[in-house]
Amino acid sequence: MLIDKNIFIEELVEMFPFSVNYLSTKGIKCIACGEPIWGTLQEACLEKNFTPNDIQEYVNELNILAKNNKNN
């Protein structure tokens, strides 16, 4: 499964536990971080005033991380 901007944060964290650390480094809190967040990755990014280009970059990076974690 590829990660896209419309993935729900809850689903992202459940399917890709490594994403918790990644999201945290970007300033996006998630359920596992202790601050519940609901909605999609895009919605969370927009709340932090990230641009559409930023969001696409994060999606791309998350997919690279997902591929690397799958291969390990």
N, C-alpha and C. Protein backbone atom coordinates (compact mmCIF):
# COMPACT_ATOMS: atom_id res chain seq x y z
N MET A 1 0.84 -1.19 0.00
CA MET A 1 0.00 0.00 0.00
C MET A 1 0.88 1.25 0.00
N LEU A 2 0.55 2.14 -0.88
CA LEU A 2 1.24 3.42 -0.90
C LEU A 2 0.54 4.40 0.03
N ILE A 3 1.35 5.21 0.66
CA ILE A 3 0.82 6.26 1.53
C ILE A 3 0.49 7.46 0.64
N ASP A 4 -0.66 8.06 0.87
CA ASP A 4 -0.99 9.29 0.16
C ASP A 4 -1.49 10.32 1.16
N LYS A 5 -1.70 11.53 0.69
CA LYS A 5 -2.08 12.63 1.58
C LYS A 5 -3.44 12.44 2.23
N ASN A 6 -4.25 11.54 1.70
CA ASN A 6 -5.59 11.32 2.23
C ASN A 6 -5.67 10.18 3.24
N ILE A 7 -4.51 9.60 3.61
CA ILE A 7 -4.52 8.54 4.60
C ILE A 7 -4.87 9.15 5.95
N PHE A 8 -5.69 8.46 6.70
CA PHE A 8 -6.03 8.92 8.05
C PHE A 8 -4.83 8.70 8.96
N ILE A 9 -4.58 9.67 9.83
CA ILE A 9 -3.44 9.59 10.75
C ILE A 9 -3.49 8.29 11.54
N GLU A 10 -4.68 7.91 12.02
CA GLU A 10 -4.81 6.68 12.80
C GLU A 10 -4.35 5.47 11.99
N GLU A 11 -4.74 5.42 10.73
CA GLU A 11 -4.37 4.32 9.84
C GLU A 11 -2.87 4.35 9.55
N LEU A 12 -2.33 5.52 9.33
CA LEU A 12 -0.91 5.67 9.05
C LEU A 12 -0.07 5.13 10.21
N VAL A 13 -0.42 5.53 11.42
CA VAL A 13 0.33 5.11 12.60
C VAL A 13 0.18 3.61 12.84
N GLU A 14 -1.01 3.10 12.63
CA GLU A 14 -1.24 1.67 12.85
C GLU A 14 -0.48 0.82 11.83
N MET A 15 -0.53 1.20 10.57
CA MET A 15 0.08 0.41 9.52
C MET A 15 1.59 0.63 9.41
N PHE A 16 2.03 1.82 9.77
CA PHE A 16 3.43 2.20 9.63
C PHE A 16 3.92 2.85 10.93
N PRO A 17 4.21 2.04 11.94
CA PRO A 17 4.60 2.59 13.25
C PRO A 17 5.79 3.55 13.19
N PHE A 18 6.68 3.38 12.23
CA PHE A 18 7.82 4.29 12.10
C PHE A 18 7.37 5.72 11.84
N SER A 19 6.15 5.88 11.34
CA SER A 19 5.66 7.21 10.98
C SER A 19 5.50 8.12 12.19
N VAL A 20 5.37 7.53 13.38
CA VAL A 20 5.22 8.34 14.60
C VAL A 20 6.41 9.27 14.76
N ASN A 21 7.61 8.72 14.65
CA ASN A 21 8.82 9.53 14.79
C ASN A 21 8.92 10.55 13.66
N TYR A 22 8.62 10.12 12.45
CA TYR A 22 8.69 11.03 11.30
C TYR A 22 7.73 12.20 11.50
N LEU A 23 6.49 11.91 11.84
CA LEU A 23 5.51 12.98 12.04
C LEU A 23 5.95 13.93 13.14
N SER A 24 6.50 13.36 14.20
CA SER A 24 6.95 14.18 15.32
C SER A 24 8.04 15.16 14.89
N THR A 25 8.96 14.71 14.03
CA THR A 25 10.03 15.61 13.58
C THR A 25 9.49 16.75 12.73
N LYS A 26 8.33 16.56 12.15
CA LYS A 26 7.71 17.59 11.32
C LYS A 26 6.76 18.48 12.12
N GLY A 27 6.64 18.19 13.42
CA GLY A 27 5.77 18.98 14.27
C GLY A 27 4.32 18.54 14.25
N ILE A 28 4.08 17.36 13.70
CA ILE A 28 2.72 16.83 13.65
C ILE A 28 2.57 15.78 14.74
N LYS A 29 1.75 16.09 15.70
CA LYS A 29 1.52 15.15 16.78
C LYS A 29 0.54 14.08 16.29
N CYS A 30 0.65 12.91 16.89
CA CYS A 30 -0.25 11.83 16.50
C CYS A 30 -0.69 11.07 17.74
N ILE A 31 -1.57 10.14 17.57
CA ILE A 31 -2.16 9.40 18.69
C ILE A 31 -1.08 8.84 19.60
N ALA A 32 -0.08 8.19 19.04
CA ALA A 32 0.97 7.56 19.84
C ALA A 32 1.84 8.59 20.55
N CYS A 33 1.82 9.82 20.09
CA CYS A 33 2.64 10.87 20.70
C CYS A 33 1.97 11.45 21.94
N GLY A 34 0.74 11.05 22.20
CA GLY A 34 0.04 11.54 23.37
C GLY A 34 -0.95 12.66 23.08
N GLU A 35 -0.92 13.21 21.92
CA GLU A 35 -1.86 14.26 21.54
C GLU A 35 -2.72 13.71 20.41
N PRO A 36 -3.94 13.30 20.75
CA PRO A 36 -4.75 12.69 19.69
C PRO A 36 -5.02 13.66 18.55
N ILE A 37 -4.94 13.13 17.36
CA ILE A 37 -5.23 13.92 16.17
C ILE A 37 -6.12 13.07 15.27
N TRP A 38 -7.08 13.67 14.69
CA TRP A 38 -8.02 12.95 13.84
C TRP A 38 -7.98 13.57 12.46
N GLY A 39 -8.28 12.80 11.49
CA GLY A 39 -8.32 13.31 10.14
C GLY A 39 -7.18 12.76 9.31
N THR A 40 -6.97 13.38 8.18
CA THR A 40 -6.00 12.89 7.22
C THR A 40 -4.64 13.55 7.42
N LEU A 41 -3.65 12.97 6.78
CA LEU A 41 -2.32 13.55 6.81
C LEU A 41 -2.35 14.97 6.23
N GLN A 42 -3.07 15.13 5.14
CA GLN A 42 -3.18 16.46 4.52
C GLN A 42 -3.80 17.46 5.48
N GLU A 43 -4.86 17.08 6.15
CA GLU A 43 -5.52 17.99 7.10
C GLU A 43 -4.58 18.39 8.23
N ALA A 44 -3.82 17.42 8.73
CA ALA A 44 -2.87 17.71 9.81
C ALA A 44 -1.79 18.67 9.32
N CYS A 45 -1.32 18.45 8.11
CA CYS A 45 -0.30 19.33 7.54
C CYS A 45 -0.83 20.74 7.30
N LEU A 46 -2.04 20.84 6.81
CA LEU A 46 -2.62 22.16 6.55
C LEU A 46 -2.81 22.94 7.84
N GLU A 47 -3.13 22.22 8.94
CA GLU A 47 -3.27 22.89 10.23
C GLU A 47 -1.95 23.50 10.69
N LYS A 48 -0.84 22.94 10.21
CA LYS A 48 0.49 23.46 10.54
C LYS A 48 1.00 24.43 9.48
N ASN A 49 0.11 24.81 8.56
CA ASN A 49 0.42 25.77 7.49
C ASN A 49 1.49 25.28 6.51
N PHE A 50 1.57 23.96 6.31
CA PHE A 50 2.46 23.42 5.31
C PHE A 50 1.85 23.63 3.94
N THR A 51 2.71 23.83 2.95
CA THR A 51 2.25 24.06 1.58
C THR A 51 1.92 22.71 0.92
N PRO A 52 1.19 22.76 -0.19
CA PRO A 52 0.95 21.52 -0.94
C PRO A 52 2.26 20.82 -1.34
N ASN A 53 3.29 21.61 -1.67
CA ASN A 53 4.59 21.01 -2.00
C ASN A 53 5.20 20.30 -0.79
N ASP A 54 5.09 20.91 0.40
CA ASP A 54 5.58 20.28 1.63
C ASP A 54 4.87 18.95 1.84
N ILE A 55 3.56 18.96 1.68
CA ILE A 55 2.76 17.77 1.91
C ILE A 55 3.19 16.66 0.97
N GLN A 56 3.39 16.99 -0.29
CA GLN A 56 3.82 15.97 -1.26
C GLN A 56 5.21 15.44 -0.91
N GLU A 57 6.07 16.31 -0.46
CA GLU A 57 7.42 15.89 -0.04
C GLU A 57 7.32 14.91 1.13
N TYR A 58 6.46 15.19 2.10
CA TYR A 58 6.29 14.30 3.26
C TYR A 58 5.73 12.96 2.82
N VAL A 59 4.77 12.98 1.91
CA VAL A 59 4.20 11.73 1.39
C VAL A 59 5.29 10.91 0.71
N ASN A 60 6.09 11.57 -0.11
CA ASN A 60 7.18 10.87 -0.80
C ASN A 60 8.17 10.27 0.20
N GLU A 61 8.55 11.06 1.21
CA GLU A 61 9.49 10.57 2.22
C GLU A 61 8.91 9.41 3.01
N LEU A 62 7.64 9.49 3.36
CA LEU A 62 7.00 8.40 4.10
C LEU A 62 6.97 7.12 3.27
N ASN A 63 6.73 7.24 1.97
CA ASN A 63 6.72 6.07 1.11
C ASN A 63 8.13 5.45 0.99
N ILE A 64 9.14 6.28 0.95
CA ILE A 64 10.51 5.77 0.93
C ILE A 64 10.81 5.03 2.23
N LEU A 65 10.42 5.63 3.36
CA LEU A 65 10.63 4.98 4.65
C LEU A 65 9.87 3.66 4.73
N ALA A 66 8.65 3.66 4.20
CA ALA A 66 7.83 2.43 4.22
C ALA A 66 8.52 1.33 3.41
N LYS A 67 9.05 1.69 2.27
CA LYS A 67 9.74 0.72 1.42
C LYS A 67 10.98 0.20 2.13
N ASN A 68 11.75 1.08 2.73
CA ASN A 68 12.96 0.68 3.44
C ASN A 68 12.65 -0.20 4.65
N ASN A 69 11.57 0.12 5.37
CA ASN A 69 11.19 -0.70 6.53
C ASN A 69 10.69 -2.06 6.11
N LYS A 70 10.06 -2.14 4.95
CA LYS A 70 9.56 -3.41 4.45
C LYS A 70 10.71 -4.33 4.04
N ASN A 71 11.78 -3.73 3.54
CA ASN A 71 12.93 -4.50 3.08
C ASN A 71 13.84 -4.95 4.23
N ASN A 72 13.63 -4.41 5.42
CA ASN A 72 14.49 -4.77 6.57
C ASN A 72 13.90 -5.91 7.35
